[in-house]
């Protein structure tokens, strides 16, 4: 599996991923492109070189002033789930966050998405709160955070 930053040439494949993974809740083409071209955002992709296709992506925002990185979306096509691609995408996101010396990493996850919650908690993310109806009526989200020491890049015990 090849993990790399997305570029504008990946846009069609990223839109396919959005459609396959999120259907009607997918990001718009404009938003997917914005994550690629904006200086305060990035997307990393997982490319299965054996089939020559993107099989996963993660889109993130960076706030250097606040010292925060936010994982806005992680998508892995169904045929490639449960083999570590989500974890690989997070590794890449966190590596880029670390290059900015950010103090904390943030994300939201649907309260019923148990595999994702398990992945995030094993990586040091803690549930900080509940956001009612975040994904629509009756679909709540956990707000999760991973804090790091500013200079040493280690997880701070809570």
C-alpha atoms as a PDB file:
ATOM      1  CA  UNK A   1       0.000   0.000   0.000  1.00  0.00           C
ATOM      2  CA  UNK A   2       1.346   3.413  -0.947  1.00  0.00           C
ATOM      3  CA  UNK A   3       0.431   6.345   1.313  1.00  0.00           C
ATOM      4  CA  UNK A   4       0.983   9.834  -0.065  1.00  0.00           C
ATOM      5  CA  UNK A   5      -0.428  13.343  -0.179  1.00  0.00           C
ATOM      6  CA  UNK A   6      -3.188  13.803  -2.703  1.00  0.00           C
ATOM      7  CA  UNK A   7      -2.839  16.146  -5.660  1.00  0.00           C
ATOM      8  CA  UNK A   8      -5.349  17.637  -8.091  1.00  0.00           C
ATOM      9  CA  UNK A   9      -4.843  14.683 -10.428  1.00  0.00           C
ATOM     10  CA  UNK A  10      -6.485  12.489  -7.761  1.00  0.00           C
ATOM     11  CA  UNK A  11      -9.730  14.477  -7.729  1.00  0.00           C
ATOM     12  CA  UNK A  12     -11.820  12.044  -9.828  1.00  0.00           C
ATOM     13  CA  UNK A  13     -10.687   9.059  -7.756  1.00  0.00           C
ATOM     14  CA  UNK A  14     -11.309  10.964  -4.510  1.00  0.00           C
ATOM     15  CA  UNK A  15     -14.833  11.782  -5.626  1.00  0.00           C
ATOM     16  CA  UNK A  16     -15.379   8.081  -6.409  1.00  0.00           C
ATOM     17  CA  UNK A  17     -14.172   7.220  -2.894  1.00  0.00           C
ATOM     18  CA  UNK A  18     -16.493   9.816  -1.366  1.00  0.00           C
ATOM     19  CA  UNK A  19     -19.437   8.376  -3.290  1.00  0.00           C
ATOM     20  CA  UNK A  20     -18.610   4.744  -2.422  1.00  0.00           C
ATOM     21  CA  UNK A  21     -18.028   5.430   1.254  1.00  0.00           C
ATOM     22  CA  UNK A  22     -20.537   8.168   2.050  1.00  0.00           C
ATOM     23  CA  UNK A  23     -23.190   8.215  -0.689  1.00  0.00           C
ATOM     24  CA  UNK A  24     -25.535  11.167  -0.183  1.00  0.00           C
ATOM     25  CA  UNK A  25     -23.402  12.415   2.743  1.00  0.00           C
ATOM     26  CA  UNK A  26     -20.282  12.778   0.606  1.00  0.00           C
ATOM     27  CA  UNK A  27     -18.222  15.944   0.469  1.00  0.00           C
ATOM     28  CA  UNK A  28     -18.845  18.145  -2.564  1.00  0.00           C
ATOM     29  CA  UNK A  29     -16.281  18.285  -5.371  1.00  0.00           C
ATOM     30  CA  UNK A  30     -15.429  21.846  -4.304  1.00  0.00           C
ATOM     31  CA  UNK A  31     -14.710  20.759  -0.732  1.00  0.00           C
ATOM     32  CA  UNK A  32     -12.649  17.727  -1.809  1.00  0.00           C
ATOM     33  CA  UNK A  33     -10.576  20.022  -4.045  1.00  0.00           C
ATOM     34  CA  UNK A  34     -10.205  22.595  -1.240  1.00  0.00           C
ATOM     35  CA  UNK A  35      -8.596  19.973   1.012  1.00  0.00           C
ATOM     36  CA  UNK A  36      -5.990  19.444  -1.710  1.00  0.00           C
ATOM     37  CA  UNK A  37      -5.174  23.030  -2.677  1.00  0.00           C
ATOM     38  CA  UNK A  38      -5.564  25.075   0.517  1.00  0.00           C
ATOM     39  CA  UNK A  39      -2.444  25.810   2.553  1.00  0.00           C
ATOM     40  CA  UNK A  40      -4.224  25.009   5.843  1.00  0.00           C
ATOM     41  CA  UNK A  41      -5.545  21.629   4.699  1.00  0.00           C
ATOM     42  CA  UNK A  42      -4.371  18.396   3.133  1.00  0.00           C
ATOM     43  CA  UNK A  43      -5.587  14.983   2.027  1.00  0.00           C
ATOM     44  CA  UNK A  44      -3.590  11.785   2.200  1.00  0.00           C
ATOM     45  CA  UNK A  45      -4.493   8.765   0.119  1.00  0.00           C
ATOM     46  CA  UNK A  46      -3.942   5.034   0.255  1.00  0.00           C
ATOM     47  CA  UNK A  47      -3.213   3.645  -3.185  1.00  0.00           C
ATOM     48  CA  UNK A  48      -3.382  -0.091  -3.788  1.00  0.00           C
ATOM     49  CA  UNK A  49      -0.588  -0.415  -6.319  1.00  0.00           C
ATOM     50  CA  UNK A  50      -1.699  -3.936  -7.290  1.00  0.00           C
ATOM     51  CA  UNK A  51      -4.941  -2.565  -8.754  1.00  0.00           C
ATOM     52  CA  UNK A  52      -3.776   0.987  -9.486  1.00  0.00           C
ATOM     53  CA  UNK A  53      -6.622   2.624  -7.551  1.00  0.00           C
ATOM     54  CA  UNK A  54      -7.140   4.744  -4.479  1.00  0.00           C
ATOM     55  CA  UNK A  55      -8.760   2.683  -1.728  1.00  0.00           C
ATOM     56  CA  UNK A  56      -8.716   5.206   1.100  1.00  0.00           C
ATOM     57  CA  UNK A  57      -8.284   8.846   1.990  1.00  0.00           C
ATOM     58  CA  UNK A  58      -8.114  11.151   4.978  1.00  0.00           C
ATOM     59  CA  UNK A  59      -8.785  14.886   4.806  1.00  0.00           C
ATOM     60  CA  UNK A  60      -7.409  17.206   7.470  1.00  0.00           C
ATOM     61  CA  UNK A  61      -7.267  20.822   8.577  1.00  0.00           C
ATOM     62  CA  UNK A  62      -4.389  22.596  10.300  1.00  0.00           C
ATOM     63  CA  UNK A  63      -4.669  25.560  12.652  1.00  0.00           C
ATOM     64  CA  UNK A  64      -1.117  26.598  13.476  1.00  0.00           C
ATOM     65  CA  UNK A  65      -2.331  29.515  15.610  1.00  0.00           C
ATOM     66  CA  UNK A  66      -4.401  27.183  17.800  1.00  0.00           C
ATOM     67  CA  UNK A  67      -1.794  24.399  17.624  1.00  0.00           C
ATOM     68  CA  UNK A  68      -4.443  21.963  16.398  1.00  0.00           C
ATOM     69  CA  UNK A  69      -4.873  19.453  13.628  1.00  0.00           C
ATOM     70  CA  UNK A  70      -8.330  18.125  12.778  1.00  0.00           C
ATOM     71  CA  UNK A  71      -9.061  14.923  10.925  1.00  0.00           C
ATOM     72  CA  UNK A  72     -12.244  15.886   9.080  1.00  0.00           C
ATOM     73  CA  UNK A  73     -12.851  12.624   7.245  1.00  0.00           C
ATOM     74  CA  UNK A  74     -11.428   9.144   6.802  1.00  0.00           C
ATOM     75  CA  UNK A  75     -12.730   6.910   4.027  1.00  0.00           C
ATOM     76  CA  UNK A  76     -11.748   3.332   3.154  1.00  0.00           C
ATOM     77  CA  UNK A  77     -13.672   1.346   0.551  1.00  0.00           C
ATOM     78  CA  UNK A  78     -15.468  -1.677   1.971  1.00  0.00           C
ATOM     79  CA  UNK A  79     -13.333  -4.287   0.168  1.00  0.00           C
ATOM     80  CA  UNK A  80     -10.203  -2.904   1.869  1.00  0.00           C
ATOM     81  CA  UNK A  81     -11.458  -2.412   5.434  1.00  0.00           C
ATOM     82  CA  UNK A  82     -10.085  -4.188   8.505  1.00  0.00           C
ATOM     83  CA  UNK A  83      -6.586  -4.617   7.053  1.00  0.00           C
ATOM     84  CA  UNK A  84      -4.930  -1.554   8.604  1.00  0.00           C
ATOM     85  CA  UNK A  85      -5.527   1.082   5.940  1.00  0.00           C
ATOM     86  CA  UNK A  86      -7.364   3.416   8.339  1.00  0.00           C
ATOM     87  CA  UNK A  87      -4.451   3.164  10.742  1.00  0.00           C
ATOM     88  CA  UNK A  88      -1.980   3.823   7.913  1.00  0.00           C
ATOM     89  CA  UNK A  89      -3.914   6.917   6.869  1.00  0.00           C
ATOM     90  CA  UNK A  90      -3.902   8.157  10.466  1.00  0.00           C
ATOM     91  CA  UNK A  91      -0.142   7.543  10.660  1.00  0.00           C
ATOM     92  CA  UNK A  92       0.328   9.838   7.665  1.00  0.00           C
ATOM     93  CA  UNK A  93      -2.024  12.517   9.018  1.00  0.00           C
ATOM     94  CA  UNK A  94      -0.288  12.512  12.387  1.00  0.00           C
ATOM     95  CA  UNK A  95       3.152  12.583  10.740  1.00  0.00           C
ATOM     96  CA  UNK A  96       2.136  15.737   8.862  1.00  0.00           C
ATOM     97  CA  UNK A  97       0.581  17.231  12.016  1.00  0.00           C
ATOM     98  CA  UNK A  98       3.854  16.533  13.862  1.00  0.00           C
ATOM     99  CA  UNK A  99       5.817  18.419  11.192  1.00  0.00           C
ATOM    100  CA  UNK A 100       3.805  21.506  12.226  1.00  0.00           C
ATOM    101  CA  UNK A 101       4.500  20.803  15.935  1.00  0.00           C
ATOM    102  CA  UNK A 102       0.793  20.852  16.749  1.00  0.00           C
ATOM    103  CA  UNK A 103      -0.236  20.305  20.382  1.00  0.00           C
ATOM    104  CA  UNK A 104      -3.440  18.389  19.819  1.00  0.00           C
ATOM    105  CA  UNK A 105      -5.269  16.390  17.214  1.00  0.00           C
ATOM    106  CA  UNK A 106      -9.072  16.471  16.976  1.00  0.00           C
ATOM    107  CA  UNK A 107     -11.815  14.491  15.270  1.00  0.00           C
ATOM    108  CA  UNK A 108     -15.486  13.597  15.443  1.00  0.00           C
ATOM    109  CA  UNK A 109     -16.863  10.089  15.098  1.00  0.00           C
ATOM    110  CA  UNK A 110     -20.405   8.755  15.026  1.00  0.00           C
ATOM    111  CA  UNK A 111     -21.226   7.144  18.370  1.00  0.00           C
ATOM    112  CA  UNK A 112     -22.272   3.923  16.618  1.00  0.00           C
ATOM    113  CA  UNK A 113     -19.033   3.550  14.608  1.00  0.00           C
ATOM    114  CA  UNK A 114     -17.411   1.119  17.034  1.00  0.00           C
ATOM    115  CA  UNK A 115     -14.490   0.039  14.801  1.00  0.00           C
ATOM    116  CA  UNK A 116     -13.431   3.688  14.313  1.00  0.00           C
ATOM    117  CA  UNK A 117     -13.865   4.506  18.026  1.00  0.00           C
ATOM    118  CA  UNK A 118     -11.659   1.519  18.910  1.00  0.00           C
ATOM    119  CA  UNK A 119      -9.014   2.632  16.388  1.00  0.00           C
ATOM    120  CA  UNK A 120      -8.969   6.172  17.779  1.00  0.00           C
ATOM    121  CA  UNK A 121      -8.868   5.174  21.460  1.00  0.00           C
ATOM    122  CA  UNK A 122      -6.000   2.752  20.794  1.00  0.00           C
ATOM    123  CA  UNK A 123      -4.102   5.671  19.231  1.00  0.00           C
ATOM    124  CA  UNK A 124      -4.499   7.833  22.347  1.00  0.00           C
ATOM    125  CA  UNK A 125      -7.624   9.802  21.480  1.00  0.00           C
ATOM    126  CA  UNK A 126     -10.029  10.481  24.353  1.00  0.00           C
ATOM    127  CA  UNK A 127     -13.735  11.254  24.200  1.00  0.00           C
ATOM    128  CA  UNK A 128     -14.110  14.877  25.271  1.00  0.00           C
ATOM    129  CA  UNK A 129     -17.822  15.320  24.673  1.00  0.00           C
ATOM    130  CA  UNK A 130     -20.968  14.381  22.821  1.00  0.00           C
ATOM    131  CA  UNK A 131     -22.377  16.397  19.927  1.00  0.00           C
ATOM    132  CA  UNK A 132     -26.094  15.720  19.529  1.00  0.00           C
ATOM    133  CA  UNK A 133     -27.413  15.253  15.985  1.00  0.00           C
ATOM    134  CA  UNK A 134     -23.983  15.987  14.445  1.00  0.00           C
ATOM    135  CA  UNK A 135     -24.588  13.605  11.534  1.00  0.00           C
ATOM    136  CA  UNK A 136     -28.328  14.337  11.319  1.00  0.00           C
ATOM    137  CA  UNK A 137     -31.316  13.813  13.547  1.00  0.00           C
ATOM    138  CA  UNK A 138     -30.627  11.045  16.053  1.00  0.00           C
ATOM    139  CA  UNK A 139     -27.047  10.513  14.839  1.00  0.00           C
ATOM    140  CA  UNK A 140     -24.724  11.794  17.542  1.00  0.00           C
ATOM    141  CA  UNK A 141     -20.945  12.166  17.462  1.00  0.00           C
ATOM    142  CA  UNK A 142     -18.193  11.924  19.996  1.00  0.00           C
ATOM    143  CA  UNK A 143     -15.717  14.784  19.943  1.00  0.00           C
ATOM    144  CA  UNK A 144     -12.291  13.182  20.458  1.00  0.00           C
ATOM    145  CA  UNK A 145      -8.908  14.688  21.171  1.00  0.00           C
ATOM    146  CA  UNK A 146      -5.315  13.545  21.442  1.00  0.00           C
ATOM    147  CA  UNK A 147      -3.056  15.961  23.333  1.00  0.00           C
ATOM    148  CA  UNK A 148       0.697  16.025  22.854  1.00  0.00           C
ATOM    149  CA  UNK A 149       3.468  17.855  24.639  1.00  0.00           C
ATOM    150  CA  UNK A 150       4.522  20.809  22.504  1.00  0.00           C
ATOM    151  CA  UNK A 151       8.241  20.001  22.402  1.00  0.00           C
ATOM    152  CA  UNK A 152       8.442  16.263  23.010  1.00  0.00           C
ATOM    153  CA  UNK A 153       5.522  15.038  20.908  1.00  0.00           C
ATOM    154  CA  UNK A 154       4.362  12.537  23.481  1.00  0.00           C
ATOM    155  CA  UNK A 155       0.845  11.853  24.689  1.00  0.00           C
ATOM    156  CA  UNK A 156      -0.045  13.690  27.887  1.00  0.00           C
ATOM    157  CA  UNK A 157      -1.842  11.425  30.403  1.00  0.00           C
ATOM    158  CA  UNK A 158      -5.322  12.707  31.286  1.00  0.00           C
END
